[in-house]
Amino acid sequence: MNASPVVPTVPPMVSRACGLFLRSPAKTAERLTAGSRTAVYRVALHHGPSVIVKLYSHTARRNALTEATAIRAVSAAVPVPRVLGYGTTSTTGATALITSDLGPDTLGSAVRSGSVPRSHALRDLGTLLGRVHEAPVTTAARRRLAVETVASLSRRCPPDVLDRLAPALALITGTPDEASTVWCHGDPHLDNVVLAGTRQTRHLVDFTDAAPRRREADLAHALVMTDAHAQWDRHAFLGAYPHVVSDTHLAAWSAFVTVSCWTHAGPGNNRTAWSNRLTELSRRTPHLFRPHPGHSHTPHARWRAR
């Protein structure tokens, strides 16, 4: 995502966060991303190096506390940004997280520029996730239950599409959550790997959705978001992952993540692309989908754009 121009007036909540947690005033702020519940800024301070400030609205289910906890939990296993400060910034419950700034270079941008081969990048991502999944999970860490994940999708996904996914959902929710529970990043893809330092060390960033859950959920997200469905891409990624994986659960989670992306995609070319992916996925793994009435083979008849 392209960053917006540096704004001369620092947003009040960014200034407040820097004052509260760093005791240092902010000089400029460059907005990197903005969503309905979070916003991320690269902030130049009057004193010291630049930092990354992430703001969470009070309605965000996961917040600065949960993200800081996840970063610290995996920090001994994988390179991550350093947590500099976090906490509540308003009486309504908004929170902010401040981390070290590792710079703008990502593994995704390196692949797009041609400086890193795609197969190497997928191997790097598989290796990083293998390390994350080795981090110890304490009993105090709140699990992301499979039924909660499915319930979240059901609030937005059309009922008929959710019904088609029923075999995959039954597999996902029918396994005890304690099985193969590891620390998962939650949103692993190539642009959430930052290259930093003279050795271009791979750092994982953006632990907004990190939580203990089945490893296959994390792996499926990475496969889907990097479009690594070709045999050679899957081999590069999974070949670098050092742990045993259930192919059945990986396929079910891949179906779930793909339907979730289709559900959240806006109308237009993006929705069409996810429709085509769903059609191909249901063709390759028919046991995870109920047959479509009429057995139509057109993508938009099978996965209607809404």
Protein backbone atom coordinates (compact mmCIF):
# COMPACT_ATOMS: atom_id res chain seq x y z
CA MET A 1 0.00 0.00 0.00
CA ASN A 2 1.35 3.43 -0.94
CA ALA A 3 2.00 5.72 1.96
CA SER A 4 0.23 9.05 2.07
CA PRO A 5 2.29 12.27 2.13
CA VAL A 6 3.85 13.39 5.36
CA VAL A 7 1.37 15.67 7.08
CA PRO A 8 2.65 18.85 8.75
CA THR A 9 0.04 18.64 11.49
CA VAL A 10 0.48 15.54 13.61
CA PRO A 11 -2.87 13.87 14.45
CA PRO A 12 -3.79 14.59 18.08
CA MET A 13 -3.93 10.92 19.10
CA VAL A 14 -0.45 10.33 17.63
CA SER A 15 0.90 13.29 19.60
CA ARG A 16 -0.82 12.03 22.74
CA ALA A 17 0.62 8.54 22.37
CA CYS A 18 4.17 9.84 21.87
CA GLY A 19 3.82 12.13 24.86
CA LEU A 20 2.34 9.46 27.12
CA PHE A 21 4.59 6.52 26.28
CA LEU A 22 7.83 8.08 24.99
CA ARG A 23 7.82 11.44 26.76
CA SER A 24 8.88 12.90 23.43
CA PRO A 25 6.94 15.22 21.11
CA ALA A 26 6.18 14.16 17.54
CA LYS A 27 7.48 16.35 14.72
CA THR A 28 5.84 14.81 11.62
CA ALA A 29 3.57 11.85 10.91
CA GLU A 30 3.27 9.81 7.71
CA ARG A 31 0.14 7.70 7.53
CA LEU A 32 0.99 4.20 6.31
CA THR A 33 -2.38 2.47 6.59
CA ALA A 34 -5.85 3.33 7.82
CA GLY A 35 -8.85 1.11 8.45
CA SER A 36 -12.12 1.27 10.31
CA ARG A 37 -10.51 0.32 13.63
CA THR A 38 -6.76 0.88 13.25
CA ALA A 39 -4.38 3.41 11.74
CA VAL A 40 -0.60 3.21 11.44
CA TYR A 41 1.85 6.12 11.22
CA ARG A 42 5.59 6.52 10.74
CA VAL A 43 6.45 9.32 13.16
CA ALA A 44 9.53 11.51 13.31
CA LEU A 45 10.30 12.62 16.84
CA HIS A 46 11.95 15.86 17.92
CA HIS A 47 14.44 13.72 19.81
CA GLY A 48 15.54 10.25 18.73
CA PRO A 49 14.88 7.95 15.75
CA SER A 50 11.55 7.62 13.98
CA VAL A 51 8.98 5.19 15.36
CA ILE A 52 5.84 3.40 14.25
CA VAL A 53 2.65 4.40 16.04
CA LYS A 54 -0.40 2.16 15.72
CA LEU A 55 -3.73 3.48 16.93
CA TYR A 56 -6.66 1.23 17.85
CA SER A 57 -10.18 2.53 18.21
CA HIS A 58 -12.13 1.62 21.35
CA THR A 59 -14.27 -0.74 19.24
CA ALA A 60 -11.30 -2.87 18.17
CA ARG A 61 -11.67 -6.38 19.61
CA ARG A 62 -7.90 -6.81 19.62
CA ASN A 63 -5.87 -3.84 20.78
CA ALA A 64 -2.44 -2.51 21.66
CA LEU A 65 -2.21 -4.74 24.74
CA THR A 66 -2.91 -7.97 22.88
CA GLU A 67 -0.51 -7.05 20.06
CA ALA A 68 2.28 -6.07 22.43
CA THR A 69 1.79 -9.35 24.30
CA ALA A 70 2.07 -11.35 21.09
CA ILE A 71 5.19 -9.51 19.90
CA ARG A 72 6.94 -10.12 23.20
CA ALA A 73 5.85 -13.77 23.28
CA VAL A 74 7.55 -14.56 19.95
CA SER A 75 10.47 -12.11 20.17
CA ALA A 76 12.94 -14.79 21.26
CA ALA A 77 11.98 -17.02 18.34
CA VAL A 78 11.85 -14.59 15.40
CA PRO A 79 13.06 -11.04 14.61
CA VAL A 80 10.30 -8.51 15.39
CA PRO A 81 10.12 -4.75 16.01
CA ARG A 82 10.93 -3.61 19.53
CA VAL A 83 7.95 -2.59 21.67
CA LEU A 84 8.64 0.94 22.97
CA GLY A 85 5.35 1.68 24.67
CA TYR A 86 1.64 0.92 24.69
CA GLY A 87 -1.51 1.60 26.64
CA THR A 88 -4.84 3.40 26.77
CA THR A 89 -5.01 6.85 25.21
CA SER A 90 -8.59 7.95 25.85
CA THR A 91 -11.39 7.65 28.36
CA THR A 92 -13.39 5.65 25.79
CA GLY A 93 -10.79 2.87 25.68
CA ALA A 94 -8.78 3.69 22.55
CA THR A 95 -5.25 2.29 22.71
CA ALA A 96 -1.89 2.87 21.01
CA LEU A 97 1.19 0.76 20.40
CA ILE A 98 4.61 2.26 19.61
CA THR A 99 7.38 0.13 18.10
CA SER A 100 10.77 0.69 16.56
CA ASP A 101 10.81 1.71 12.90
CA LEU A 102 12.46 -0.99 10.78
CA GLY A 103 12.10 0.97 7.55
CA PRO A 104 9.91 0.70 4.43
CA ASP A 105 11.49 -2.27 2.63
CA THR A 106 9.39 -5.43 2.65
CA LEU A 107 9.85 -8.91 1.24
CA GLY A 108 6.86 -8.21 -1.00
CA SER A 109 8.43 -5.07 -2.48
CA ALA A 110 11.70 -6.96 -2.99
CA VAL A 111 9.86 -9.63 -4.99
CA ARG A 112 8.03 -7.00 -7.07
CA SER A 113 11.30 -5.21 -7.86
CA GLY A 114 12.99 -8.47 -8.81
CA SER A 115 15.71 -8.24 -6.16
CA VAL A 116 14.45 -11.38 -4.36
CA PRO A 117 13.10 -14.39 -6.32
CA ARG A 118 9.54 -15.33 -5.38
CA SER A 119 10.56 -18.88 -4.45
CA HIS A 120 13.19 -17.53 -2.03
CA ALA A 121 10.66 -15.17 -0.46
CA LEU A 122 8.17 -18.01 0.07
CA ARG A 123 10.91 -20.09 1.70
CA ASP A 124 11.77 -17.16 3.97
CA LEU A 125 8.12 -16.82 5.00
CA GLY A 126 7.82 -20.55 5.68
CA THR A 127 10.96 -20.45 7.82
CA LEU A 128 9.73 -17.43 9.82
CA LEU A 129 6.37 -19.03 10.55
CA GLY A 130 8.13 -22.20 11.65
CA ARG A 131 10.01 -20.15 14.23
CA VAL A 132 6.90 -18.27 15.37
CA HIS A 133 5.12 -21.58 15.88
CA GLU A 134 7.94 -22.73 18.17
CA ALA A 135 7.39 -19.87 20.64
CA PRO A 136 6.02 -21.15 23.97
CA VAL A 137 2.31 -20.58 24.57
CA THR A 138 1.51 -19.73 28.18
CA THR A 139 -1.73 -20.75 29.84
CA ALA A 140 -2.55 -17.05 30.28
CA ALA A 141 -2.54 -16.39 26.53
CA ARG A 142 -6.08 -16.12 25.20
CA ARG A 143 -6.75 -18.63 22.42
CA ARG A 144 -8.51 -17.65 19.21
CA LEU A 145 -11.18 -20.35 19.18
CA ALA A 146 -12.18 -21.82 15.83
CA VAL A 147 -15.86 -21.36 16.60
CA GLU A 148 -15.25 -17.64 17.22
CA THR A 149 -13.51 -17.31 13.87
CA VAL A 150 -16.37 -19.07 12.06
CA ALA A 151 -18.97 -16.99 13.91
CA SER A 152 -17.18 -13.81 12.85
CA LEU A 153 -17.39 -14.82 9.19
CA SER A 154 -21.03 -15.86 9.50
CA ARG A 155 -22.02 -12.31 10.43
CA ARG A 156 -20.95 -11.06 6.99
CA CYS A 157 -20.97 -14.04 4.64
CA PRO A 158 -24.19 -14.77 2.67
CA PRO A 159 -25.94 -17.82 4.22
CA ASP A 160 -25.98 -19.80 0.97
CA VAL A 161 -22.22 -19.39 0.51
CA LEU A 162 -21.59 -20.34 4.14
CA ASP A 163 -23.77 -23.40 3.65
CA ARG A 164 -21.63 -24.45 0.68
CA LEU A 165 -18.58 -24.26 2.93
CA ALA A 166 -20.21 -26.49 5.58
CA PRO A 167 -17.90 -29.54 5.13
CA ALA A 168 -14.80 -27.37 5.66
CA LEU A 169 -16.39 -25.60 8.64
CA ALA A 170 -17.31 -28.92 10.24
CA LEU A 171 -13.69 -30.02 10.01
CA ILE A 172 -12.37 -26.73 11.41
CA THR A 173 -14.75 -26.57 14.37
CA GLY A 174 -14.87 -30.31 15.02
CA THR A 175 -11.29 -30.52 16.25
CA PRO A 176 -10.45 -29.59 19.86
CA ASP A 177 -8.81 -26.15 19.97
CA GLU A 178 -6.00 -27.54 22.12
CA ALA A 179 -4.85 -29.71 19.22
CA SER A 180 -1.68 -28.35 17.62
CA THR A 181 -2.19 -24.94 19.29
CA VAL A 182 0.77 -22.63 18.63
CA TRP A 183 1.39 -18.89 18.53
CA CYS A 184 0.09 -17.78 15.13
CA HIS A 185 0.91 -14.48 13.46
CA GLY A 186 -2.63 -14.10 12.13
CA ASP A 187 -1.84 -12.19 8.92
CA PRO A 188 1.31 -13.67 7.37
CA HIS A 189 2.15 -12.44 3.88
CA LEU A 190 5.20 -11.02 2.11
CA ASP A 191 4.45 -7.36 2.90
CA ASN A 192 4.36 -8.15 6.62
CA VAL A 193 8.01 -9.17 6.44
CA VAL A 194 10.30 -6.12 6.68
CA LEU A 195 13.92 -6.25 5.53
CA ALA A 196 16.11 -4.30 7.92
CA GLY A 197 19.79 -3.69 8.57
CA THR A 198 22.85 -4.21 6.40
CA ARG A 199 22.10 -7.94 6.22
CA GLN A 200 18.47 -7.38 5.26
CA THR A 201 17.28 -9.44 8.21
CA ARG A 202 13.70 -10.65 7.84
CA HIS A 203 11.45 -9.23 10.57
CA LEU A 204 7.78 -10.14 11.05
CA VAL A 205 5.54 -7.14 11.70
CA ASP A 206 1.83 -6.41 12.29
CA PHE A 207 0.72 -8.82 15.00
CA THR A 208 -2.79 -7.35 15.21
CA ASP A 209 -4.47 -10.74 14.81
CA ALA A 210 -1.84 -12.86 16.55
CA ALA A 211 -3.15 -15.49 18.98
CA PRO A 212 -2.65 -19.15 19.88
CA ARG A 213 -4.53 -21.40 17.46
CA ARG A 214 -3.96 -24.30 15.05
CA ARG A 215 -0.83 -23.91 12.93
CA GLU A 216 -2.78 -24.77 9.77
CA ALA A 217 -4.79 -21.54 10.11
CA ASP A 218 -1.60 -19.47 9.82
CA LEU A 219 -0.18 -21.54 6.99
CA ALA A 220 -3.43 -21.39 5.03
CA HIS A 221 -3.56 -17.60 5.40
CA ALA A 222 -0.03 -17.34 4.02
CA LEU A 223 -0.78 -19.64 1.07
CA VAL A 224 -3.96 -17.78 0.17
CA MET A 225 -2.62 -14.23 0.61
CA THR A 226 0.53 -14.97 -1.41
CA ASP A 227 -1.49 -16.88 -4.04
CA ALA A 228 0.89 -19.80 -3.56
CA HIS A 229 -1.35 -22.50 -5.02
CA ALA A 230 0.92 -23.75 -7.80
CA GLN A 231 2.81 -26.91 -6.89
CA TRP A 232 6.23 -25.22 -7.01
CA ASP A 233 5.06 -22.32 -4.80
CA ARG A 234 3.56 -24.65 -2.20
CA HIS A 235 6.72 -26.73 -2.24
CA ALA A 236 8.91 -23.65 -1.66
CA PHE A 237 6.75 -22.45 1.23
CA LEU A 238 5.85 -25.73 2.96
CA GLY A 239 9.25 -27.24 2.24
CA ALA A 240 10.83 -24.56 4.43
CA TYR A 241 8.29 -25.08 7.22
CA PRO A 242 9.88 -27.49 9.72
CA HIS A 243 6.82 -28.92 11.50
CA VAL A 244 4.31 -31.65 10.73
CA VAL A 245 1.15 -30.33 9.06
CA SER A 246 -2.28 -31.91 8.57
CA ASP A 247 -2.99 -31.64 4.84
CA THR A 248 -6.71 -32.09 5.50
CA HIS A 249 -6.89 -29.23 7.99
CA LEU A 250 -4.65 -27.05 5.80
CA ALA A 251 -7.06 -27.52 2.89
CA ALA A 252 -10.07 -26.74 5.09
CA TRP A 253 -8.49 -23.56 6.45
CA SER A 254 -7.46 -22.54 2.92
CA ALA A 255 -11.09 -22.83 1.84
CA PHE A 256 -12.19 -20.81 4.86
CA VAL A 257 -9.66 -18.01 4.27
CA THR A 258 -10.56 -17.82 0.58
CA VAL A 259 -14.28 -17.51 1.33
CA SER A 260 -13.47 -14.88 3.96
CA CYS A 261 -11.49 -12.85 1.40
CA TRP A 262 -14.34 -13.17 -1.11
CA THR A 263 -16.79 -12.00 1.55
CA HIS A 264 -14.79 -8.90 2.43
CA ALA A 265 -13.86 -7.96 -1.13
CA GLY A 266 -15.70 -4.99 -2.60
CA PRO A 267 -17.60 -5.18 -5.89
CA GLY A 268 -15.53 -5.10 -9.06
CA ASN A 269 -12.37 -6.78 -10.28
CA ASN A 270 -11.23 -7.78 -6.80
CA ARG A 271 -14.47 -9.65 -6.08
CA THR A 272 -14.24 -11.30 -9.51
CA ALA A 273 -10.71 -12.48 -8.81
CA TRP A 274 -11.78 -14.09 -5.53
CA SER A 275 -14.80 -15.64 -7.29
CA ASN A 276 -12.44 -17.27 -9.76
CA ARG A 277 -10.21 -18.51 -6.95
CA LEU A 278 -13.20 -20.04 -5.17
CA THR A 279 -14.32 -21.81 -8.30
CA GLU A 280 -10.85 -23.29 -8.80
CA LEU A 281 -10.56 -24.23 -5.12
CA SER A 282 -13.93 -25.99 -5.07
CA ARG A 283 -12.87 -27.87 -8.21
CA ARG A 284 -9.62 -29.04 -6.60
CA THR A 285 -11.11 -29.87 -3.19
CA PRO A 286 -14.76 -30.78 -3.82
CA HIS A 287 -14.99 -32.69 -0.52
CA LEU A 288 -14.78 -29.36 1.34
CA PHE A 289 -17.76 -27.81 -0.49
CA ARG A 290 -21.35 -28.83 -0.90
CA PRO A 291 -22.39 -29.09 -4.56
CA HIS A 292 -23.91 -25.95 -6.02
CA PRO A 293 -27.58 -26.34 -7.02
CA GLY A 294 -27.74 -26.85 -10.75
CA HIS A 295 -23.98 -27.63 -10.89
CA SER A 296 -23.23 -24.45 -12.80
CA HIS A 297 -19.61 -23.99 -13.80
CA THR A 298 -19.64 -20.23 -14.21
CA PRO A 299 -17.79 -18.40 -11.41
CA HIS A 300 -20.48 -15.77 -10.89
CA ALA A 301 -23.25 -18.37 -10.75
CA ARG A 302 -21.29 -20.35 -8.18
CA TRP A 303 -20.06 -17.37 -6.11
CA ARG A 304 -22.38 -14.49 -6.78
CA ALA A 305 -20.92 -11.01 -6.58
CA ARG A 306 -23.02 -9.06 -4.09
